[in-house]
Amino acid sequence: MTREGSPFKGTATVALKEAADHMTSARMHLIMLLVLLTAIGAVYGAIGRITETTGQNPFLFLKLLTVAREPLPSFAAFLGFLLPLVAIALGFDAVNGEYARRTMSRLLAQPIYRDAVLFGKFLGGLLVIGIALLTLWLLMTGLGILFLGLPPSGGDIVRGIAYLVTTLAYAGVWLALAIAFSTVIRSPATSALAALSVWLVLTVFWGMIAPLIAGVIVPLDPFDPMTVISQFEMQQAIARVSPQTLYGEVTTMLLDPSARSVGPLFFDQVEGAIVGAPLPTIQSLLVVWPQVAALVAGMILLFTIAYVVFQRQEVRA
């Protein structure tokens, strides 16, 4: 049976409705309050550390995101840990919640296709996360100007925008994962637990699992020193299955202009380089382009799984 019209007709309406529901929900208010308080604490601690230890620096504002003051971690570390929880909270009941409330058949009775429903729910959650990230970025910039007395430089702004886009893609991976579980599993509580379990494994335990797997695949040979490098490269490849690892590598390159590689530095990479000299922004982007592409690809793959499953589901009144 041939469909008439665009399958994405009504996507914007669904997305705006989902975003409005998220923005007015008590669940979202509590989560964003937690993120806001921790972010302010991290930035305030970083400002105190910067004013004590840092003099002239052309990328002073970037240090607001990376400098930490005990016992608080840095702003970037907070986002890397808490942002998946925000994305999971927005998407774990996106589809099965409609079934639980018995509103899915009523929703699909409108003159829209299933494509628009799922795309709208995903874009609505991503819009809310984007607004939250932009708000946090502007708040951080305002605090930096207020306490440091300096405006951000052009390099700070370019790297900051690239970091925001990457952070949005990182959040999109977890949002797509939560929606995929919401599509496959009919119980909202079970889908939330499944998404949190994957987040816990990939964020907390994957760094311990990757060396074990690499040691099995590429065992060390005491008579061949090259196996050490081979095993390390295999460990890096396995570790990059986790979005947390990819996001950490991108954060390191974009927010630390002096960084020149996401892995070990070899002599040919630093030959002729001035110690401590910042890497041009375009060069930093080229170094982490594979990681950014992997995050986007993971987001598309997970959303495609949810899309295929949702298209094949039977909906009854």
Protein backbone atom coordinates (compact mmCIF):
# COMPACT_ATOMS: atom_id res chain seq x y z
CA MET A 1 0.00 0.00 0.00
CA THR A 2 1.53 3.31 -1.13
CA ARG A 3 1.68 6.07 1.41
CA GLU A 4 0.47 9.52 0.42
CA GLY A 5 2.35 12.68 1.29
CA SER A 6 5.55 13.02 3.28
CA PRO A 7 6.06 10.51 6.11
CA PHE A 8 7.58 13.31 8.17
CA LYS A 9 4.52 15.55 8.04
CA GLY A 10 3.73 16.57 11.62
CA THR A 11 7.23 15.86 12.95
CA ALA A 12 7.69 19.46 14.10
CA THR A 13 4.33 19.42 15.88
CA VAL A 14 5.17 16.22 17.75
CA ALA A 15 8.67 17.49 18.59
CA LEU A 16 7.42 20.78 20.02
CA LYS A 17 4.71 18.98 21.99
CA GLU A 18 7.25 16.55 23.43
CA ALA A 19 9.66 19.37 24.26
CA ALA A 20 6.88 21.32 26.01
CA ASP A 21 5.90 18.25 28.02
CA HIS A 22 9.50 17.68 29.07
CA MET A 23 10.08 21.31 30.00
CA THR A 24 7.01 21.39 32.24
CA SER A 25 7.45 17.97 33.89
CA ALA A 26 8.51 17.73 37.52
CA ARG A 27 10.95 14.94 36.59
CA MET A 28 12.83 17.23 34.21
CA HIS A 29 12.85 20.08 36.73
CA LEU A 30 14.46 17.90 39.41
CA ILE A 31 17.09 16.51 37.04
CA MET A 32 18.03 19.90 35.63
CA LEU A 33 18.18 21.39 39.13
CA LEU A 34 20.71 18.68 40.04
CA VAL A 35 22.75 19.35 36.89
CA LEU A 36 22.60 23.12 37.42
CA LEU A 37 23.75 22.98 41.03
CA THR A 38 26.63 20.62 40.28
CA ALA A 39 27.67 22.65 37.24
CA ILE A 40 27.70 25.90 39.21
CA GLY A 41 29.72 24.23 41.94
CA ALA A 42 32.25 22.88 39.45
CA VAL A 43 32.65 26.21 37.64
CA TYR A 44 32.90 28.15 40.90
CA GLY A 45 35.63 25.81 42.11
CA ALA A 46 37.43 26.12 38.78
CA ILE A 47 37.30 29.92 38.96
CA GLY A 48 38.88 29.84 42.39
CA ARG A 49 41.61 27.50 41.19
CA ILE A 50 42.29 29.58 38.07
CA THR A 51 42.60 32.86 39.98
CA GLU A 52 45.09 31.21 42.33
CA THR A 53 47.34 29.39 39.84
CA THR A 54 46.86 30.75 36.30
CA GLY A 55 48.35 33.90 34.85
CA GLN A 56 48.13 35.03 31.26
CA ASN A 57 46.61 32.34 29.05
CA PRO A 58 45.07 32.77 25.58
CA PHE A 59 42.56 29.98 26.33
CA LEU A 60 41.64 30.98 29.85
CA PHE A 61 37.90 30.34 29.45
CA LEU A 62 38.48 26.74 28.38
CA LYS A 63 40.02 26.07 31.77
CA LEU A 64 36.63 26.77 33.35
CA LEU A 65 35.49 23.48 31.81
CA THR A 66 38.54 21.37 32.60
CA VAL A 67 40.09 22.66 35.84
CA ALA A 68 38.85 20.90 38.97
CA ARG A 69 39.11 21.78 42.63
CA GLU A 70 38.88 19.00 45.19
CA PRO A 71 36.53 17.41 46.04
CA LEU A 72 34.55 18.51 42.96
CA PRO A 73 35.40 17.21 39.46
CA SER A 74 35.56 19.50 36.45
CA PHE A 75 32.55 20.83 34.55
CA ALA A 76 33.31 18.57 31.56
CA ALA A 77 33.57 15.52 33.82
CA PHE A 78 30.21 16.38 35.39
CA LEU A 79 28.55 16.61 31.98
CA GLY A 80 30.10 13.35 30.83
CA PHE A 81 28.67 11.57 33.88
CA LEU A 82 25.27 13.25 34.34
CA LEU A 83 24.20 13.97 30.76
CA PRO A 84 23.46 10.30 29.95
CA LEU A 85 21.13 10.22 32.95
CA VAL A 86 19.28 13.26 31.63
CA ALA A 87 18.94 11.67 28.18
CA ILE A 88 17.74 8.35 29.63
CA ALA A 89 15.20 10.17 31.81
CA LEU A 90 13.80 11.88 28.70
CA GLY A 91 13.56 8.77 26.53
CA PHE A 92 12.98 5.66 28.64
CA ASP A 93 9.17 5.93 28.34
CA ALA A 94 8.88 7.73 25.00
CA VAL A 95 7.07 4.83 23.28
CA ASN A 96 6.00 2.34 25.94
CA GLY A 97 4.65 5.22 28.01
CA GLU A 98 2.09 5.82 25.27
CA TYR A 99 1.09 2.15 25.44
CA ALA A 100 0.89 2.27 29.24
CA ARG A 101 -1.40 5.34 29.11
CA ARG A 102 -3.41 3.75 26.25
CA THR A 103 -2.85 6.82 24.07
CA MET A 104 -0.80 5.28 21.26
CA SER A 105 -3.82 4.27 19.16
CA ARG A 106 -5.32 7.72 19.66
CA LEU A 107 -2.04 9.35 18.62
CA LEU A 108 -1.72 7.25 15.47
CA ALA A 109 -5.35 7.93 14.60
CA GLN A 110 -4.27 11.48 13.73
CA PRO A 111 -3.29 12.25 10.11
CA ILE A 112 0.41 11.50 10.73
CA TYR A 113 2.61 8.48 10.08
CA ARG A 114 4.59 6.52 12.62
CA ASP A 115 7.75 8.05 11.19
CA ALA A 116 6.70 11.49 12.39
CA VAL A 117 5.80 10.18 15.85
CA LEU A 118 9.18 8.57 16.52
CA PHE A 119 11.23 11.32 14.88
CA GLY A 120 9.24 13.92 16.78
CA LYS A 121 9.84 12.24 20.13
CA PHE A 122 13.57 11.97 19.44
CA LEU A 123 13.92 15.55 18.18
CA GLY A 124 11.83 16.86 21.07
CA GLY A 125 14.15 15.26 23.63
CA LEU A 126 17.22 16.45 21.73
CA LEU A 127 15.80 19.99 21.61
CA VAL A 128 15.36 20.04 25.38
CA ILE A 129 18.94 18.81 25.91
CA GLY A 130 20.24 21.40 23.44
CA ILE A 131 18.44 24.22 25.28
CA ALA A 132 19.82 22.99 28.60
CA LEU A 133 23.38 22.80 27.24
CA LEU A 134 23.17 26.27 25.72
CA THR A 135 21.85 27.66 29.01
CA LEU A 136 24.69 26.05 30.95
CA TRP A 137 27.23 27.39 28.45
CA LEU A 138 25.89 30.94 28.69
CA LEU A 139 25.81 30.69 32.49
CA MET A 140 29.39 29.49 32.56
CA THR A 141 30.45 32.33 30.23
CA GLY A 142 28.67 34.88 32.41
CA LEU A 143 30.33 33.56 35.57
CA GLY A 144 33.70 33.62 33.83
CA ILE A 145 33.30 37.24 32.71
CA LEU A 146 32.04 38.25 36.15
CA PHE A 147 34.78 36.62 38.23
CA LEU A 148 37.73 36.60 35.83
CA GLY A 149 37.07 40.02 34.33
CA LEU A 150 37.95 38.89 30.80
CA PRO A 151 35.74 38.14 27.77
CA PRO A 152 36.25 34.84 25.92
CA SER A 153 38.63 34.95 22.98
CA GLY A 154 37.73 33.90 19.45
CA GLY A 155 39.53 30.59 19.89
CA ASP A 156 37.57 29.93 23.08
CA ILE A 157 34.27 30.53 21.30
CA VAL A 158 35.09 28.26 18.33
CA ARG A 159 36.31 25.43 20.53
CA GLY A 160 33.37 25.92 22.88
CA ILE A 161 30.83 25.68 20.04
CA ALA A 162 32.54 22.52 18.73
CA TYR A 163 32.44 21.09 22.25
CA LEU A 164 28.72 21.88 22.59
CA VAL A 165 27.91 20.18 19.27
CA THR A 166 29.89 17.10 20.30
CA THR A 167 28.19 17.05 23.70
CA LEU A 168 24.80 17.16 22.00
CA ALA A 169 25.79 14.19 19.81
CA TYR A 170 26.98 12.35 22.94
CA ALA A 171 23.64 12.98 24.63
CA GLY A 172 21.87 11.90 21.43
CA VAL A 173 23.50 8.46 21.68
CA TRP A 174 22.00 7.87 25.13
CA LEU A 175 18.65 9.35 24.13
CA ALA A 176 18.49 7.01 21.12
CA LEU A 177 19.45 4.09 23.37
CA ALA A 178 16.66 4.93 25.82
CA ILE A 179 14.10 5.27 23.01
CA ALA A 180 15.26 1.95 21.53
CA PHE A 181 14.68 0.20 24.86
CA SER A 182 11.37 2.03 25.18
CA THR A 183 10.34 0.62 21.81
CA VAL A 184 11.49 -2.95 22.41
CA ILE A 185 10.36 -3.29 26.05
CA ARG A 186 6.73 -2.61 26.92
CA SER A 187 7.29 -1.81 30.62
CA PRO A 188 8.67 1.73 31.29
CA ALA A 189 10.32 0.61 34.53
CA THR A 190 12.09 -2.29 32.81
CA SER A 191 13.25 -0.13 29.89
CA ALA A 192 14.64 2.46 32.32
CA LEU A 193 16.48 -0.27 34.23
CA ALA A 194 17.90 -1.72 31.01
CA ALA A 195 19.15 1.67 29.81
CA LEU A 196 20.70 2.44 33.21
CA SER A 197 22.39 -0.97 33.23
CA VAL A 198 24.00 -0.31 29.84
CA TRP A 199 25.08 3.14 31.04
CA LEU A 200 26.58 1.67 34.21
CA VAL A 201 28.55 -0.99 32.30
CA LEU A 202 29.85 1.34 29.59
CA THR A 203 30.64 4.23 31.93
CA VAL A 204 31.92 2.60 35.11
CA PHE A 205 33.06 -0.93 34.30
CA TRP A 206 34.11 -0.78 30.65
CA GLY A 207 37.47 0.75 31.50
CA MET A 208 38.23 -2.37 33.56
CA ILE A 209 36.81 -4.82 31.02
CA ALA A 210 38.67 -3.47 27.96
CA PRO A 211 42.21 -4.39 29.18
CA LEU A 212 41.05 -7.93 30.02
CA ILE A 213 39.56 -8.47 26.55
CA ALA A 214 42.63 -6.94 24.88
CA GLY A 215 44.90 -9.26 26.88
CA VAL A 216 42.98 -12.29 25.64
CA ILE A 217 42.93 -11.18 21.99
CA VAL A 218 46.56 -9.96 21.88
CA PRO A 219 48.60 -11.74 24.58
CA LEU A 220 51.98 -10.30 25.47
CA ASP A 221 55.04 -12.02 24.05
CA PRO A 222 58.19 -11.48 26.19
CA PHE A 223 60.34 -12.00 23.08
CA ASP A 224 58.42 -9.47 20.95
CA PRO A 225 58.20 -5.94 22.42
CA MET A 226 55.83 -4.88 19.61
CA THR A 227 53.06 -6.90 21.23
CA VAL A 228 52.90 -4.24 23.94
CA ILE A 229 51.93 -1.62 21.35
CA SER A 230 49.55 -4.03 19.61
CA GLN A 231 47.80 -4.84 22.87
CA PHE A 232 47.51 -1.15 23.76
CA GLU A 233 46.00 -0.35 20.37
CA MET A 234 43.53 -3.21 20.78
CA GLN A 235 42.66 -1.95 24.25
CA GLN A 236 41.99 1.52 22.84
CA ALA A 237 39.77 0.10 20.09
CA ILE A 238 37.73 -1.93 22.59
CA ALA A 239 37.48 1.00 25.01
CA ARG A 240 36.07 3.17 22.22
CA VAL A 241 32.96 1.00 22.11
CA SER A 242 31.88 3.13 25.07
CA PRO A 243 30.51 6.59 24.19
CA GLN A 244 32.08 7.80 27.44
CA THR A 245 35.56 7.02 26.10
CA LEU A 246 34.90 8.75 22.77
CA TYR A 247 33.47 11.80 24.53
CA GLY A 248 36.45 11.96 26.89
CA GLU A 249 38.90 11.93 23.99
CA VAL A 250 37.01 14.70 22.18
CA THR A 251 36.85 16.75 25.37
CA THR A 252 40.58 16.42 25.92
CA MET A 253 41.47 17.58 22.42
CA LEU A 254 38.98 20.44 22.13
CA LEU A 255 39.33 21.92 25.61
CA ASP A 256 43.10 21.51 25.95
CA PRO A 257 44.80 23.28 23.01
CA SER A 258 48.20 21.89 24.05
CA ALA A 259 47.02 18.28 23.53
CA ARG A 260 48.28 16.74 20.29
CA SER A 261 46.92 13.20 20.34
CA VAL A 262 44.22 11.11 22.02
CA GLY A 263 46.68 8.23 22.39
CA PRO A 264 50.42 7.86 23.00
CA LEU A 265 52.65 10.44 21.33
CA PHE A 266 55.40 9.20 19.04
CA PHE A 267 58.53 11.08 18.06
CA ASP A 268 57.30 11.95 14.57
CA GLN A 269 54.21 13.60 16.07
CA VAL A 270 56.16 16.06 18.22
CA GLU A 271 59.18 16.57 15.96
CA GLY A 272 59.65 20.29 15.44
CA ALA A 273 56.80 21.23 17.79
CA ILE A 274 57.26 23.91 20.44
CA VAL A 275 56.64 22.54 23.93
CA GLY A 276 53.36 23.90 25.31
CA ALA A 277 52.39 25.62 22.04
CA PRO A 278 48.64 25.36 21.34
CA LEU A 279 47.44 23.25 18.45
CA PRO A 280 45.33 25.15 15.88
CA THR A 281 41.60 24.59 16.31
CA ILE A 282 41.19 23.02 12.87
CA GLN A 283 43.96 20.54 13.68
CA SER A 284 42.30 19.57 16.95
CA LEU A 285 39.02 19.02 15.09
CA LEU A 286 40.76 16.82 12.52
CA VAL A 287 42.30 14.68 15.28
CA VAL A 288 38.94 13.96 16.95
CA TRP A 289 36.83 13.81 13.78
CA PRO A 290 36.72 9.96 13.87
CA GLN A 291 35.43 10.06 17.46
CA VAL A 292 32.73 12.59 16.60
CA ALA A 293 31.72 10.54 13.55
CA ALA A 294 31.53 7.42 15.74
CA LEU A 295 29.19 9.18 18.19
CA VAL A 296 26.91 10.32 15.36
CA ALA A 297 26.99 6.84 13.80
CA GLY A 298 26.09 5.23 17.13
CA MET A 299 23.16 7.62 17.54
CA ILE A 300 21.88 6.85 14.03
CA LEU A 301 22.30 3.09 14.51
CA LEU A 302 20.37 3.00 17.80
CA PHE A 303 17.61 5.20 16.42
CA THR A 304 17.37 2.98 13.32
CA ILE A 305 16.83 -0.06 15.55
CA ALA A 306 14.03 1.75 17.37
CA TYR A 307 12.56 2.90 14.05
CA VAL A 308 12.47 -0.60 12.52
CA VAL A 309 10.94 -2.17 15.64
CA PHE A 310 8.35 0.58 15.99
CA GLN A 311 7.28 0.26 12.35
CA ARG A 312 6.61 -3.46 12.83
CA GLN A 313 4.68 -3.20 16.08
CA GLU A 314 0.97 -3.87 16.18
CA VAL A 315 -1.11 -1.11 17.75
CA ARG A 316 -4.56 -1.91 19.07
CA ALA A 317 -7.16 0.42 20.47
